[in-house]
N, C-alpha and C. Protein backbone atom coordinates (compact mmCIF):
# COMPACT_ATOMS: atom_id res chain seq x y z
N MET A 1 45.70 -16.20 -60.08
CA MET A 1 45.52 -15.49 -58.75
C MET A 1 45.20 -14.79 -58.32
N GLN A 2 44.56 -14.62 -57.51
CA GLN A 2 45.23 -13.19 -57.33
C GLN A 2 45.75 -12.92 -55.59
N THR A 3 46.78 -12.04 -54.98
CA THR A 3 47.31 -12.28 -54.28
C THR A 3 46.16 -11.39 -53.08
N LEU A 4 46.02 -12.25 -51.29
CA LEU A 4 45.55 -12.22 -50.62
C LEU A 4 46.12 -11.76 -49.52
N HIS A 5 45.84 -10.54 -48.77
CA HIS A 5 46.19 -10.46 -47.93
C HIS A 5 45.68 -10.14 -46.48
N PRO A 6 46.20 -11.86 -45.74
CA PRO A 6 45.72 -11.66 -44.69
C PRO A 6 45.31 -10.80 -43.70
N ASP A 7 44.15 -10.95 -43.03
CA ASP A 7 43.31 -10.65 -41.64
C ASP A 7 44.39 -11.05 -40.67
N TYR A 8 45.84 -11.16 -39.88
CA TYR A 8 46.48 -12.20 -38.99
C TYR A 8 46.23 -11.71 -37.20
N GLU A 9 45.05 -11.00 -36.95
CA GLU A 9 44.71 -10.90 -35.95
C GLU A 9 43.32 -11.29 -35.71
N GLN A 10 41.97 -11.85 -37.48
CA GLN A 10 41.29 -12.77 -36.43
C GLN A 10 42.51 -14.48 -36.62
N VAL A 11 43.10 -14.53 -36.77
CA VAL A 11 43.81 -16.07 -36.88
C VAL A 11 45.09 -16.31 -35.70
N GLN A 12 44.40 -15.04 -34.36
CA GLN A 12 46.19 -14.64 -33.62
C GLN A 12 46.19 -15.37 -32.59
N ASP A 13 45.47 -16.60 -32.19
CA ASP A 13 45.57 -17.54 -31.31
C ASP A 13 46.79 -18.83 -32.76
N LEU A 14 46.45 -18.87 -34.04
CA LEU A 14 47.93 -19.40 -34.44
C LEU A 14 48.94 -18.93 -34.64
N LEU A 15 49.31 -17.73 -34.01
CA LEU A 15 50.47 -17.39 -34.44
C LEU A 15 51.70 -17.43 -33.86
N PRO A 16 53.30 -17.26 -33.73
CA PRO A 16 54.11 -17.52 -32.77
C PRO A 16 54.19 -16.34 -32.34
N GLU A 17 54.62 -16.39 -31.10
CA GLU A 17 54.77 -15.27 -30.02
C GLU A 17 55.36 -14.57 -30.42
N SER A 18 56.61 -14.72 -31.06
CA SER A 18 57.55 -13.66 -31.25
C SER A 18 56.47 -12.97 -32.24
N VAL A 19 55.61 -13.36 -32.69
CA VAL A 19 54.87 -12.40 -33.52
C VAL A 19 53.82 -11.06 -33.51
N GLN A 20 53.07 -12.07 -32.10
CA GLN A 20 52.88 -11.71 -31.26
C GLN A 20 52.66 -10.46 -30.65
N GLN A 21 54.28 -10.59 -29.70
CA GLN A 21 54.93 -9.86 -29.34
C GLN A 21 55.07 -7.99 -30.16
N ILE A 22 55.14 -8.64 -31.43
CA ILE A 22 55.81 -7.70 -32.84
C ILE A 22 54.35 -7.21 -33.18
N ALA A 23 53.40 -7.33 -32.90
CA ALA A 23 51.89 -7.37 -33.40
C ALA A 23 51.20 -6.36 -32.30
N SER A 24 51.67 -6.74 -31.05
CA SER A 24 51.54 -5.85 -30.13
C SER A 24 52.03 -4.26 -30.06
N LEU A 25 53.10 -4.03 -30.59
CA LEU A 25 54.08 -3.48 -30.54
C LEU A 25 53.79 -2.35 -31.69
N ILE A 26 53.63 -2.63 -33.47
CA ILE A 26 52.94 -1.78 -34.40
C ILE A 26 51.78 -2.15 -34.88
N GLY A 27 51.42 -2.93 -34.49
CA GLY A 27 49.48 -3.67 -34.86
C GLY A 27 49.71 -4.07 -35.75
N PHE A 28 48.91 -5.08 -35.85
CA PHE A 28 48.60 -6.30 -36.48
C PHE A 28 49.06 -5.69 -38.70
N PRO A 29 48.18 -4.48 -38.97
CA PRO A 29 48.09 -4.25 -40.12
C PRO A 29 49.54 -4.20 -40.82
N ALA A 30 50.72 -3.89 -39.77
CA ALA A 30 52.26 -3.67 -40.06
C ALA A 30 53.41 -4.10 -39.97
N THR A 31 52.37 -5.80 -38.69
CA THR A 31 53.33 -7.09 -38.41
C THR A 31 52.51 -7.26 -39.67
N SER A 32 51.91 -7.71 -40.69
CA SER A 32 51.25 -8.05 -41.86
C SER A 32 52.31 -8.12 -42.89
N LYS A 33 52.76 -6.35 -43.14
CA LYS A 33 53.55 -6.70 -44.26
C LYS A 33 54.95 -6.77 -43.61
N LEU A 34 55.26 -6.67 -42.70
CA LEU A 34 56.22 -7.28 -42.32
C LEU A 34 56.74 -9.10 -42.62
N ILE A 35 55.18 -9.63 -42.37
CA ILE A 35 55.78 -10.99 -43.01
C ILE A 35 55.76 -10.71 -44.31
N GLN A 36 54.82 -10.39 -44.65
CA GLN A 36 55.12 -10.10 -46.70
C GLN A 36 56.01 -10.17 -47.39
N GLN A 37 56.71 -8.66 -46.31
CA GLN A 37 57.93 -8.36 -47.10
C GLN A 37 58.95 -9.19 -46.37
N PHE A 38 59.35 -10.22 -44.85
CA PHE A 38 60.99 -10.04 -44.51
C PHE A 38 60.65 -11.91 -43.73
N GLY A 39 59.27 -12.23 -44.51
CA GLY A 39 58.62 -13.48 -43.48
C GLY A 39 59.69 -14.79 -43.79
N GLY A 40 60.26 -15.40 -42.97
CA GLY A 40 60.83 -16.54 -43.69
C GLY A 40 62.38 -16.34 -42.59
N VAL A 41 63.21 -14.58 -43.00
CA VAL A 41 64.73 -14.04 -42.72
C VAL A 41 64.52 -13.64 -41.26
N GLN A 42 66.18 -13.42 -40.89
CA GLN A 42 66.39 -13.55 -39.64
C GLN A 42 66.77 -11.75 -39.75
N PHE A 43 66.59 -11.30 -39.19
CA PHE A 43 67.07 -9.98 -39.55
C PHE A 43 67.13 -9.60 -37.56
N ARG A 44 68.74 -9.20 -38.24
CA ARG A 44 68.94 -8.80 -36.84
C ARG A 44 68.65 -6.66 -36.54
N ILE A 45 67.90 -7.00 -35.42
CA ILE A 45 67.58 -4.90 -35.21
C ILE A 45 68.55 -4.59 -34.77
N GLY A 46 69.67 -4.19 -35.15
CA GLY A 46 70.73 -2.99 -34.56
C GLY A 46 70.08 -1.84 -34.11
N LYS A 47 71.56 -1.49 -33.56
CA LYS A 47 70.79 -0.44 -32.66
C LYS A 47 71.67 1.24 -33.28
N GLY A 48 71.72 1.03 -35.13
CA GLY A 48 71.62 1.78 -35.78
C GLY A 48 73.02 2.53 -35.41
N LEU A 49 73.91 1.90 -35.43
CA LEU A 49 75.25 2.31 -35.37
C LEU A 49 75.81 2.39 -36.43
N ARG A 50 76.15 1.07 -36.70
CA ARG A 50 76.70 0.63 -37.63
C ARG A 50 76.04 0.82 -39.06
N SER A 51 77.37 0.72 -40.47
CA SER A 51 76.45 1.07 -41.90
C SER A 51 75.06 0.22 -42.05
N SER A 52 75.82 -1.18 -41.81
CA SER A 52 74.90 -2.44 -42.26
C SER A 52 73.31 -2.39 -41.55
N GLY A 53 73.91 -1.76 -40.24
CA GLY A 53 72.46 -1.60 -39.25
C GLY A 53 71.58 -0.05 -40.03
N GLN A 54 72.07 0.89 -40.46
CA GLN A 54 71.45 1.89 -40.71
C GLN A 54 70.75 1.04 -42.11
N ARG A 55 71.52 0.77 -43.66
CA ARG A 55 70.73 0.33 -44.87
C ARG A 55 69.70 -1.27 -43.98
N ARG A 56 69.46 -1.97 -42.65
CA ARG A 56 68.52 -2.42 -42.30
C ARG A 56 67.39 -2.21 -42.34
N ILE A 57 67.81 -0.71 -41.15
CA ILE A 57 66.29 0.41 -41.28
C ILE A 57 65.83 0.96 -42.18
N ALA A 58 67.02 1.43 -43.00
CA ALA A 58 65.90 0.89 -44.48
C ALA A 58 65.21 0.55 -45.08
N LEU A 59 65.95 -0.57 -45.14
CA LEU A 59 64.86 -2.10 -45.46
C LEU A 59 64.07 -1.98 -44.42
N LEU A 60 63.34 -1.92 -43.53
CA LEU A 60 62.18 -1.97 -42.45
C LEU A 60 61.83 -0.29 -43.00
N GLN A 61 62.40 0.52 -43.02
CA GLN A 61 61.43 2.15 -43.15
C GLN A 61 61.21 1.90 -44.43
N GLU A 62 61.05 0.72 -45.09
CA GLU A 62 60.90 0.64 -46.42
C GLU A 62 59.56 -0.05 -46.59
N THR A 63 58.68 -0.59 -45.74
CA THR A 63 57.60 -0.85 -45.62
C THR A 63 56.95 -0.92 -44.00
N LEU A 64 57.79 0.04 -43.28
CA LEU A 64 57.35 0.54 -42.41
C LEU A 64 57.54 1.26 -41.96
N THR A 65 56.22 1.88 -40.55
CA THR A 65 56.92 3.92 -40.99
C THR A 65 57.94 3.46 -39.85
N PRO A 66 58.65 5.41 -40.04
CA PRO A 66 59.62 5.10 -39.12
C PRO A 66 59.14 5.55 -37.61
N GLU A 67 57.68 5.24 -37.12
CA GLU A 67 57.74 6.01 -35.85
C GLU A 67 57.32 3.53 -35.50
N GLN A 68 56.53 3.11 -36.48
CA GLN A 68 57.07 1.19 -35.71
C GLN A 68 58.81 1.43 -36.02
N VAL A 69 59.36 1.35 -36.75
CA VAL A 69 61.13 1.00 -36.78
C VAL A 69 61.65 1.50 -35.62
N ALA A 70 60.75 2.54 -35.62
CA ALA A 70 61.50 3.19 -33.90
C ALA A 70 61.48 1.62 -32.73
N LEU A 71 59.85 1.77 -32.60
CA LEU A 71 59.34 1.06 -31.35
C LEU A 71 59.97 -0.61 -31.83
N LEU A 72 60.45 -1.08 -32.30
CA LEU A 72 60.99 -2.26 -33.12
C LEU A 72 62.37 -2.01 -32.70
N MET A 73 63.09 -0.89 -33.20
CA MET A 73 64.47 -0.51 -32.70
C MET A 73 64.17 -1.46 -31.24
N GLN A 74 63.54 -0.28 -30.33
CA GLN A 74 63.62 -0.13 -28.78
C GLN A 74 63.86 -1.64 -28.59
N HIS A 75 62.30 -2.34 -29.11
CA HIS A 75 62.46 -3.64 -28.18
C HIS A 75 63.26 -4.57 -28.00
N PHE A 76 63.96 -4.20 -29.49
CA PHE A 76 64.30 -6.11 -30.00
C PHE A 76 66.36 -5.68 -30.61
N SER A 77 65.88 -3.84 -29.95
CA SER A 77 67.60 -4.10 -30.52
C SER A 77 68.97 -4.71 -29.62
N GLY A 78 69.36 -5.32 -30.88
CA GLY A 78 71.24 -5.37 -30.35
C GLY A 78 70.48 -6.73 -30.65
N GLU A 79 69.30 -7.12 -31.20
CA GLU A 79 69.19 -8.94 -31.12
C GLU A 79 68.89 -8.88 -31.89
N ASP A 80 69.34 -10.81 -33.16
CA ASP A 80 67.91 -11.23 -34.33
C ASP A 80 66.67 -11.68 -33.47
N LEU A 81 65.69 -10.74 -35.00
CA LEU A 81 64.55 -11.05 -35.05
C LEU A 81 64.30 -12.04 -35.86
N TYR A 82 63.64 -14.01 -35.77
CA TYR A 82 63.02 -14.45 -36.69
C TYR A 82 62.33 -13.20 -36.58
N ILE A 83 61.37 -13.97 -38.12
CA ILE A 83 60.30 -13.20 -38.09
C ILE A 83 59.34 -14.71 -39.07
N PRO A 84 58.20 -15.12 -38.58
CA PRO A 84 58.27 -16.24 -38.84
C PRO A 84 57.27 -16.00 -40.32
N ARG A 85 56.85 -17.23 -41.36
CA ARG A 85 55.93 -17.06 -42.80
C ARG A 85 54.78 -16.93 -42.15
N CYS A 86 54.45 -17.70 -40.77
CA CYS A 86 53.17 -17.60 -40.43
C CYS A 86 51.91 -18.36 -41.38
N GLN A 87 52.81 -18.97 -41.92
CA GLN A 87 52.35 -20.24 -42.89
C GLN A 87 51.00 -21.30 -42.38
N ASP A 88 50.96 -21.22 -41.07
CA ASP A 88 50.06 -22.27 -40.29
C ASP A 88 48.50 -21.17 -40.53
N ALA A 89 48.95 -20.19 -40.03
CA ALA A 89 48.19 -19.08 -40.00
C ALA A 89 47.25 -18.33 -41.00
N TRP A 90 48.00 -18.22 -41.76
CA TRP A 90 47.78 -17.56 -43.12
C TRP A 90 47.00 -18.54 -44.37
N ARG A 91 47.01 -20.47 -43.83
CA ARG A 91 46.15 -21.02 -44.32
C ARG A 91 45.36 -21.18 -43.86
N ALA A 92 45.19 -21.06 -42.83
CA ALA A 92 43.67 -20.93 -41.66
C ALA A 92 42.76 -19.73 -41.96
N TRP A 93 43.60 -18.64 -41.80
CA TRP A 93 43.19 -17.52 -42.66
C TRP A 93 42.61 -17.66 -43.88
N ARG A 94 42.77 -17.98 -44.69
CA ARG A 94 42.75 -18.05 -46.07
C ARG A 94 41.40 -19.03 -46.42
N ASN A 95 41.44 -20.17 -44.91
CA ASN A 95 40.47 -20.76 -45.83
C ASN A 95 38.98 -21.74 -45.53
N ARG A 96 39.10 -19.92 -44.02
CA ARG A 96 38.61 -19.63 -43.46
C ARG A 96 37.42 -17.93 -44.16
N CYS A 97 38.05 -17.35 -44.95
CA CYS A 97 37.45 -17.09 -45.91
C CYS A 97 36.61 -17.32 -47.43
N PHE A 98 37.52 -18.72 -48.25
CA PHE A 98 37.48 -20.24 -48.57
C PHE A 98 35.79 -20.08 -48.14
N LEU A 99 35.25 -20.90 -47.06
CA LEU A 99 34.77 -21.39 -47.31
C LEU A 99 33.72 -20.32 -46.41
N ALA A 100 34.15 -19.07 -45.87
CA ALA A 100 32.54 -18.39 -46.68
C ALA A 100 31.89 -17.54 -47.03
N GLU A 101 32.68 -17.86 -47.93
CA GLU A 101 32.84 -16.98 -49.72
C GLU A 101 31.61 -18.13 -49.80
N VAL A 102 31.80 -19.34 -50.41
CA VAL A 102 31.88 -20.40 -50.61
C VAL A 102 29.85 -20.25 -50.09
N GLU A 103 29.78 -20.37 -48.90
CA GLU A 103 28.76 -20.19 -48.46
C GLU A 103 27.72 -18.44 -48.37
N GLN A 104 28.63 -18.22 -48.97
CA GLN A 104 27.47 -16.41 -49.02
C GLN A 104 27.26 -16.88 -50.73
N LEU A 105 27.93 -17.54 -52.29
CA LEU A 105 27.14 -17.34 -52.94
C LEU A 105 26.37 -18.98 -53.12
N LYS A 106 26.40 -19.82 -52.57
CA LYS A 106 25.40 -20.40 -52.15
C LYS A 106 23.96 -19.83 -51.51
N ALA A 107 24.33 -18.99 -51.17
CA ALA A 107 22.65 -18.61 -50.01
C ALA A 107 22.44 -17.37 -51.55
N GLU A 108 23.80 -16.97 -52.38
CA GLU A 108 22.58 -16.00 -53.12
C GLU A 108 22.02 -16.89 -54.22
N GLY A 109 22.36 -18.02 -54.41
CA GLY A 109 21.65 -18.66 -55.54
C GLY A 109 22.17 -20.42 -55.91
N GLU A 110 24.13 -19.85 -56.29
CA GLU A 110 24.85 -20.64 -56.82
C GLU A 110 25.37 -22.10 -56.02
N SER A 111 25.51 -22.90 -57.34
CA SER A 111 25.58 -24.01 -56.63
C SER A 111 26.64 -24.52 -55.95
N LEU A 112 27.29 -25.82 -55.52
CA LEU A 112 28.60 -25.86 -55.14
C LEU A 112 29.65 -25.40 -55.73
N THR A 113 29.27 -26.17 -57.14
CA THR A 113 29.72 -27.02 -58.49
C THR A 113 30.58 -25.84 -59.12
N MET A 114 29.82 -24.00 -59.09
CA MET A 114 30.63 -23.07 -60.06
C MET A 114 31.25 -22.55 -58.75
N ALA A 115 30.38 -22.49 -57.68
CA ALA A 115 31.07 -21.68 -56.29
C ALA A 115 32.71 -22.74 -56.33
N LEU A 116 32.78 -23.93 -56.38
CA LEU A 116 34.54 -24.15 -55.87
C LEU A 116 34.82 -23.45 -57.76
N THR A 117 34.29 -23.50 -58.16
CA THR A 117 34.56 -23.19 -59.73
C THR A 117 35.42 -21.08 -59.87
N LEU A 118 34.87 -20.67 -59.36
CA LEU A 118 35.09 -19.87 -58.91
C LEU A 118 35.65 -19.41 -57.83
N LEU A 119 35.76 -19.59 -56.98
CA LEU A 119 36.34 -19.33 -55.46
C LEU A 119 38.14 -20.12 -55.83
N CYS A 120 38.48 -21.22 -56.34
CA CYS A 120 39.69 -22.14 -56.21
C CYS A 120 40.55 -21.19 -56.91
N PRO A 121 40.31 -21.18 -57.91
CA PRO A 121 41.37 -19.92 -58.23
C PRO A 121 41.54 -18.83 -57.49
N LYS A 122 40.95 -17.96 -57.39
CA LYS A 122 41.00 -17.04 -56.40
C LYS A 122 41.80 -17.29 -54.98
N TYR A 123 41.39 -18.32 -54.10
CA TYR A 123 42.07 -18.35 -53.05
C TYR A 123 43.15 -19.47 -53.48
N GLY A 124 43.27 -20.18 -54.52
CA GLY A 124 44.28 -21.09 -54.76
C GLY A 124 44.25 -22.32 -53.85
N ILE A 125 43.63 -22.88 -53.86
CA ILE A 125 42.39 -23.73 -53.49
C ILE A 125 43.31 -24.55 -54.18
N ALA A 126 43.30 -25.84 -54.99
CA ALA A 126 42.94 -27.15 -55.95
C ALA A 126 41.80 -27.54 -55.58
N ALA A 127 40.50 -28.64 -56.09
CA ALA A 127 39.39 -28.96 -56.16
C ALA A 127 39.84 -29.46 -54.90
N THR A 128 40.85 -30.87 -55.05
CA THR A 128 39.83 -31.47 -54.24
C THR A 128 40.77 -31.14 -52.65
N ARG A 129 41.64 -30.42 -52.75
CA ARG A 129 41.68 -30.04 -50.91
C ARG A 129 40.45 -29.21 -50.70
N ALA A 130 39.56 -28.36 -52.20
CA ALA A 130 38.52 -26.97 -51.68
C ALA A 130 37.38 -28.51 -50.98
N TRP A 131 37.79 -29.72 -51.82
CA TRP A 131 36.14 -30.77 -51.58
C TRP A 131 36.50 -30.94 -50.05
N GLU A 132 38.14 -31.90 -49.79
CA GLU A 132 38.39 -31.81 -47.92
C GLU A 132 37.95 -30.73 -46.81
N LEU A 133 38.04 -29.31 -47.37
CA LEU A 133 37.55 -28.33 -46.67
C LEU A 133 35.89 -28.43 -46.49
N LEU A 134 35.10 -28.72 -47.54
CA LEU A 134 33.75 -28.82 -47.03
C LEU A 134 33.21 -30.08 -47.04
N ARG A 135 34.14 -31.37 -46.81
CA ARG A 135 33.56 -32.10 -46.05
C ARG A 135 32.33 -32.48 -44.91
N PRO A 136 33.58 -31.73 -43.73
CA PRO A 136 32.79 -32.14 -42.40
C PRO A 136 32.30 -31.04 -42.58
N ARG A 137 31.80 -29.91 -42.89
CA ARG A 137 30.49 -29.35 -42.97
C ARG A 137 29.34 -30.07 -43.63
N HIS A 138 29.45 -30.92 -44.20
CA HIS A 138 29.12 -31.80 -44.89
C HIS A 138 27.85 -33.42 -44.76
N SER A 139 29.64 -33.35 -44.16
CA SER A 139 29.37 -34.58 -42.86
C SER A 139 27.90 -34.81 -42.30
N SER A 140 27.61 -32.86 -41.40
CA SER A 140 27.62 -32.81 -40.40
C SER A 140 25.54 -32.26 -40.64
N CYS A 141 25.76 -32.00 -42.29
CA CYS A 141 24.03 -32.33 -42.45
C CYS A 141 23.90 -32.71 -42.63
N ASP A 142 24.26 -34.19 -43.85
CA ASP A 142 24.29 -35.39 -43.79
C ASP A 142 23.15 -36.11 -42.83
N SER A 143 24.07 -35.79 -41.52
CA SER A 143 23.76 -35.98 -40.24
C SER A 143 22.03 -35.68 -39.98
N GLU A 144 21.82 -34.71 -39.89
CA GLU A 144 20.86 -33.93 -39.77
C GLU A 144 20.03 -34.23 -40.73
N GLN A 145 20.59 -34.85 -41.39
CA GLN A 145 18.56 -35.33 -42.70
C GLN A 145 18.76 -36.48 -42.73
N PRO A 146 17.13 -36.31 -41.61
CA PRO A 146 16.50 -38.04 -41.08
C PRO A 146 16.81 -39.22 -42.46
N SER A 147 16.56 -40.66 -42.09
CA SER A 147 16.40 -41.05 -43.12
C SER A 147 15.07 -41.85 -43.79
N LEU A 148 15.38 -41.96 -45.33
CA LEU A 148 14.31 -42.14 -45.58
C LEU A 148 13.79 -43.17 -44.85
N LEU A 149 14.90 -44.69 -45.17
CA LEU A 149 14.12 -46.06 -45.01
C LEU A 149 14.17 -46.57 -44.00
């Protein structure tokens, strides 16, 4: 399975308010990097006065630009900031991408079974979960088909 890098802007309505606030400061691409690196961690945004604060700033600067770190420090200075993992948003984004790519492969002439064979490993989705995701689409297609009886 390859690593997927979500575009959280596409699912921003599913993001916690704190992440939306961070994204408004430093943008979605940088916020995505921050979540990927520190998601699930309580992160004290220090004022940079103590050595531990300097160490945290250095950790942030490994992921973000100095300007982005400065914006976070200015806004959250002295606060404990929990950086959520955003798993619900990540899964929603992944599922949207998966379903779009299934439809694309089908439009290119691939069978649904072959599309799943190609895409399930790419997206880290089990076949049973893939069928669950596809079921609402197929049941709506079935209802559009006229009865033969």
